[in-house]
Amino acid sequence: MLKPPEQSSARKWPIIVLLSVDAVLLATLELFYLPLRLDGVVLPKVGDVPFPLSVLVAAVTTPLLVTMAERLVSRRLAMIPLLMWFVTLLVLGAGGPGGDTVLVIDWRALLLLAGGALPAAIALGGSLGRTALSETRTR
């Protein structure tokens, strides 16, 4: 397996900050587009059914952020984009802009939290497991 070249800590922090900003922006957009419905206004009219498209975006992008942080920065700092994504959802969802509650309290909110956090946690666990395995092999 190819290992990335060792970087100085001065080069790691801008990358982790950029990935964290990406996580905050993605969490904000996923939260604001969570109440989409198939009602003919934005999406096609198919019986006014909720269509949480942002859950699919979260399920794809949060593991990507974690794996990119693992590859570009370090395995130990790979959790920071996931934490920033989760904190953004909680802060904006519970007390949104102007005191509004943005996070819809129904099955879509649980699906967004699970769809974004679980795949990223699995990717993070795989990353940390590879770290432990490589440390065991070097001993």
C-alpha atoms as a PDB file:
ATOM      1  CA  MET A   1       0.000   0.000   0.000  1.00  0.00           C
ATOM      2  CA  LEU A   2       1.330   3.424  -0.890  1.00  0.00           C
ATOM      3  CA  LYS A   3       1.850   5.796   1.999  1.00  0.00           C
ATOM      4  CA  PRO A   4       1.494   9.537   1.490  1.00  0.00           C
ATOM      5  CA  PRO A   5       4.682  11.533   1.952  1.00  0.00           C
ATOM      6  CA  GLU A   6       5.156  12.924   5.446  1.00  0.00           C
ATOM      7  CA  GLN A   7       4.003  16.504   5.669  1.00  0.00           C
ATOM      8  CA  SER A   8       4.924  19.111   8.213  1.00  0.00           C
ATOM      9  CA  SER A   9       2.222  20.163  10.634  1.00  0.00           C
ATOM     10  CA  ALA A  10       2.173  23.598   8.998  1.00  0.00           C
ATOM     11  CA  ARG A  11       0.981  21.974   5.754  1.00  0.00           C
ATOM     12  CA  LYS A  12      -1.583  19.709   7.436  1.00  0.00           C
ATOM     13  CA  TRP A  13      -3.686  22.357   9.152  1.00  0.00           C
ATOM     14  CA  PRO A  14      -4.826  24.272   6.048  1.00  0.00           C
ATOM     15  CA  ILE A  15      -6.021  21.009   4.530  1.00  0.00           C
ATOM     16  CA  ILE A  16      -7.951  19.950   7.631  1.00  0.00           C
ATOM     17  CA  VAL A  17      -9.460  23.447   7.897  1.00  0.00           C
ATOM     18  CA  LEU A  18     -10.558  23.288   4.255  1.00  0.00           C
ATOM     19  CA  LEU A  19     -12.125  19.851   4.749  1.00  0.00           C
ATOM     20  CA  SER A  20     -13.869  21.099   7.896  1.00  0.00           C
ATOM     21  CA  VAL A  21     -15.284  24.107   6.043  1.00  0.00           C
ATOM     22  CA  ASP A  22     -16.510  21.700   3.357  1.00  0.00           C
ATOM     23  CA  ALA A  23     -18.189  19.607   6.060  1.00  0.00           C
ATOM     24  CA  VAL A  24     -19.915  22.676   7.524  1.00  0.00           C
ATOM     25  CA  LEU A  25     -21.150  23.823   4.106  1.00  0.00           C
ATOM     26  CA  LEU A  26     -22.377  20.352   3.183  1.00  0.00           C
ATOM     27  CA  ALA A  27     -24.182  19.922   6.504  1.00  0.00           C
ATOM     28  CA  THR A  28     -25.858  23.308   6.054  1.00  0.00           C
ATOM     29  CA  LEU A  29     -27.051  22.520   2.535  1.00  0.00           C
ATOM     30  CA  GLU A  30     -28.168  19.008   3.477  1.00  0.00           C
ATOM     31  CA  LEU A  31     -30.139  20.395   6.404  1.00  0.00           C
ATOM     32  CA  PHE A  32     -31.821  23.123   4.370  1.00  0.00           C
ATOM     33  CA  TYR A  33     -32.781  20.756   1.538  1.00  0.00           C
ATOM     34  CA  LEU A  34     -34.036  18.011   3.841  1.00  0.00           C
ATOM     35  CA  PRO A  35     -37.734  19.020   3.627  1.00  0.00           C
ATOM     36  CA  LEU A  36     -37.878  18.651  -0.200  1.00  0.00           C
ATOM     37  CA  ARG A  37     -41.096  17.093  -1.444  1.00  0.00           C
ATOM     38  CA  LEU A  38     -42.243  15.715  -4.765  1.00  0.00           C
ATOM     39  CA  ASP A  39     -44.956  18.381  -4.998  1.00  0.00           C
ATOM     40  CA  GLY A  40     -44.227  19.991  -8.366  1.00  0.00           C
ATOM     41  CA  VAL A  41     -42.572  23.136  -6.998  1.00  0.00           C
ATOM     42  CA  VAL A  42     -38.871  22.192  -7.090  1.00  0.00           C
ATOM     43  CA  LEU A  43     -39.066  18.502  -7.946  1.00  0.00           C
ATOM     44  CA  PRO A  44     -41.599  16.816 -10.262  1.00  0.00           C
ATOM     45  CA  LYS A  45     -45.144  16.286  -8.962  1.00  0.00           C
ATOM     46  CA  VAL A  46     -45.572  12.714  -7.757  1.00  0.00           C
ATOM     47  CA  GLY A  47     -48.274  12.833  -5.113  1.00  0.00           C
ATOM     48  CA  ASP A  48     -46.680  15.281  -2.617  1.00  0.00           C
ATOM     49  CA  VAL A  49     -44.325  12.677  -1.128  1.00  0.00           C
ATOM     50  CA  PRO A  50     -41.288  13.696   0.994  1.00  0.00           C
ATOM     51  CA  PHE A  51     -38.082  13.050  -0.914  1.00  0.00           C
ATOM     52  CA  PRO A  52     -34.985  13.500   1.296  1.00  0.00           C
ATOM     53  CA  LEU A  53     -32.416  13.762  -1.480  1.00  0.00           C
ATOM     54  CA  SER A  54     -29.936  15.355   0.911  1.00  0.00           C
ATOM     55  CA  VAL A  55     -29.656  12.055   2.818  1.00  0.00           C
ATOM     56  CA  LEU A  56     -28.098  10.488  -0.277  1.00  0.00           C
ATOM     57  CA  VAL A  57     -25.718  13.423  -0.586  1.00  0.00           C
ATOM     58  CA  ALA A  58     -24.742  13.021   3.083  1.00  0.00           C
ATOM     59  CA  ALA A  59     -24.225   9.272   2.696  1.00  0.00           C
ATOM     60  CA  VAL A  60     -21.759   9.894  -0.131  1.00  0.00           C
ATOM     61  CA  THR A  61     -19.956  13.060   0.965  1.00  0.00           C
ATOM     62  CA  THR A  62     -19.239  12.470   4.668  1.00  0.00           C
ATOM     63  CA  PRO A  63     -17.262   9.248   4.074  1.00  0.00           C
ATOM     64  CA  LEU A  64     -15.424  11.063   1.270  1.00  0.00           C
ATOM     65  CA  LEU A  65     -14.444  13.864   3.638  1.00  0.00           C
ATOM     66  CA  VAL A  66     -13.183  11.356   6.221  1.00  0.00           C
ATOM     67  CA  THR A  67     -11.175   9.349   3.704  1.00  0.00           C
ATOM     68  CA  MET A  68      -9.709  12.491   2.148  1.00  0.00           C
ATOM     69  CA  ALA A  69      -8.665  13.715   5.603  1.00  0.00           C
ATOM     70  CA  GLU A  70      -7.111  10.313   6.260  1.00  0.00           C
ATOM     71  CA  ARG A  71      -5.149  10.332   3.019  1.00  0.00           C
ATOM     72  CA  LEU A  72      -4.099  13.972   2.960  1.00  0.00           C
ATOM     73  CA  VAL A  73      -3.560  14.784   6.633  1.00  0.00           C
ATOM     74  CA  SER A  74      -3.416  11.871   9.057  1.00  0.00           C
ATOM     75  CA  ARG A  75      -5.536   9.028  10.293  1.00  0.00           C
ATOM     76  CA  ARG A  76      -5.819  10.508  13.754  1.00  0.00           C
ATOM     77  CA  LEU A  77      -7.199  13.820  12.466  1.00  0.00           C
ATOM     78  CA  ALA A  78      -9.649  12.202  10.041  1.00  0.00           C
ATOM     79  CA  MET A  79     -12.479  12.533  12.556  1.00  0.00           C
ATOM     80  CA  ILE A  80     -12.486  16.337  12.500  1.00  0.00           C
ATOM     81  CA  PRO A  81     -14.648  16.736   9.324  1.00  0.00           C
ATOM     82  CA  LEU A  82     -17.176  14.250  10.715  1.00  0.00           C
ATOM     83  CA  LEU A  83     -17.329  16.096  14.033  1.00  0.00           C
ATOM     84  CA  MET A  84     -17.756  19.438  12.272  1.00  0.00           C
ATOM     85  CA  TRP A  85     -20.553  17.990  10.121  1.00  0.00           C
ATOM     86  CA  PHE A  86     -22.319  16.609  13.186  1.00  0.00           C
ATOM     87  CA  VAL A  87     -21.931  19.787  15.272  1.00  0.00           C
ATOM     88  CA  THR A  88     -23.227  21.891  12.374  1.00  0.00           C
ATOM     89  CA  LEU A  89     -26.319  19.721  12.094  1.00  0.00           C
ATOM     90  CA  LEU A  90     -26.977  19.991  15.815  1.00  0.00           C
ATOM     91  CA  VAL A  91     -26.359  23.733  16.071  1.00  0.00           C
ATOM     92  CA  LEU A  92     -28.297  24.749  12.958  1.00  0.00           C
ATOM     93  CA  GLY A  93     -30.957  22.090  13.420  1.00  0.00           C
ATOM     94  CA  ALA A  94     -31.803  22.795  17.055  1.00  0.00           C
ATOM     95  CA  GLY A  95     -31.511  26.569  16.976  1.00  0.00           C
ATOM     96  CA  GLY A  96     -31.384  27.727  13.411  1.00  0.00           C
ATOM     97  CA  PRO A  97     -31.091  31.234  12.058  1.00  0.00           C
ATOM     98  CA  GLY A  98     -33.439  33.661  13.813  1.00  0.00           C
ATOM     99  CA  GLY A  99     -34.422  31.085  16.413  1.00  0.00           C
ATOM    100  CA  ASP A 100     -36.216  28.883  13.874  1.00  0.00           C
ATOM    101  CA  THR A 101     -35.982  25.135  14.167  1.00  0.00           C
ATOM    102  CA  VAL A 102     -34.598  23.957  10.841  1.00  0.00           C
ATOM    103  CA  LEU A 103     -34.321  20.248  11.611  1.00  0.00           C
ATOM    104  CA  VAL A 104     -37.687  18.644  10.901  1.00  0.00           C
ATOM    105  CA  ILE A 105     -38.523  16.321  13.786  1.00  0.00           C
ATOM    106  CA  ASP A 106     -39.604  13.198  11.917  1.00  0.00           C
ATOM    107  CA  TRP A 107     -38.083  10.212  10.131  1.00  0.00           C
ATOM    108  CA  ARG A 108     -36.140  12.399   7.719  1.00  0.00           C
ATOM    109  CA  ALA A 109     -34.040  13.894  10.528  1.00  0.00           C
ATOM    110  CA  LEU A 110     -33.068  10.452  11.798  1.00  0.00           C
ATOM    111  CA  LEU A 111     -32.353   9.325   8.265  1.00  0.00           C
ATOM    112  CA  LEU A 112     -30.081  12.333   7.695  1.00  0.00           C
ATOM    113  CA  LEU A 113     -28.152  11.743  10.922  1.00  0.00           C
ATOM    114  CA  ALA A 114     -27.803   8.028  10.253  1.00  0.00           C
ATOM    115  CA  GLY A 115     -27.150   8.409   6.538  1.00  0.00           C
ATOM    116  CA  GLY A 116     -24.340  10.881   7.093  1.00  0.00           C
ATOM    117  CA  ALA A 117     -22.785   9.716  10.344  1.00  0.00           C
ATOM    118  CA  LEU A 118     -22.839   5.923   9.975  1.00  0.00           C
ATOM    119  CA  PRO A 119     -20.998   5.601   6.629  1.00  0.00           C
ATOM    120  CA  ALA A 120     -18.446   8.168   7.787  1.00  0.00           C
ATOM    121  CA  ALA A 121     -18.010   6.374  11.118  1.00  0.00           C
ATOM    122  CA  ILE A 122     -17.452   3.107   9.271  1.00  0.00           C
ATOM    123  CA  ALA A 123     -14.840   4.785   7.048  1.00  0.00           C
ATOM    124  CA  LEU A 124     -13.214   6.318  10.142  1.00  0.00           C
ATOM    125  CA  GLY A 125     -13.211   2.964  11.937  1.00  0.00           C
ATOM    126  CA  GLY A 126     -11.596   1.314   8.944  1.00  0.00           C
ATOM    127  CA  SER A 127      -8.959   4.019   8.910  1.00  0.00           C
ATOM    128  CA  LEU A 128      -8.168   3.655  12.601  1.00  0.00           C
ATOM    129  CA  GLY A 129      -8.201  -0.138  12.260  1.00  0.00           C
ATOM    130  CA  ARG A 130      -5.619   0.068   9.503  1.00  0.00           C
ATOM    131  CA  THR A 131      -3.514   2.255  11.793  1.00  0.00           C
ATOM    132  CA  ALA A 132      -3.658  -0.305  14.596  1.00  0.00           C
ATOM    133  CA  LEU A 133      -2.908  -3.138  12.190  1.00  0.00           C
ATOM    134  CA  SER A 134       0.116  -1.378  10.708  1.00  0.00           C
ATOM    135  CA  GLU A 135       1.438  -0.573  14.200  1.00  0.00           C
ATOM    136  CA  THR A 136       1.046  -4.222  15.195  1.00  0.00           C
ATOM    137  CA  ARG A 137       2.926  -5.421  12.106  1.00  0.00           C
ATOM    138  CA  THR A 138       5.851  -3.084  12.698  1.00  0.00           C
ATOM    139  CA  ARG A 139       6.485  -4.441  16.200  1.00  0.00           C
END
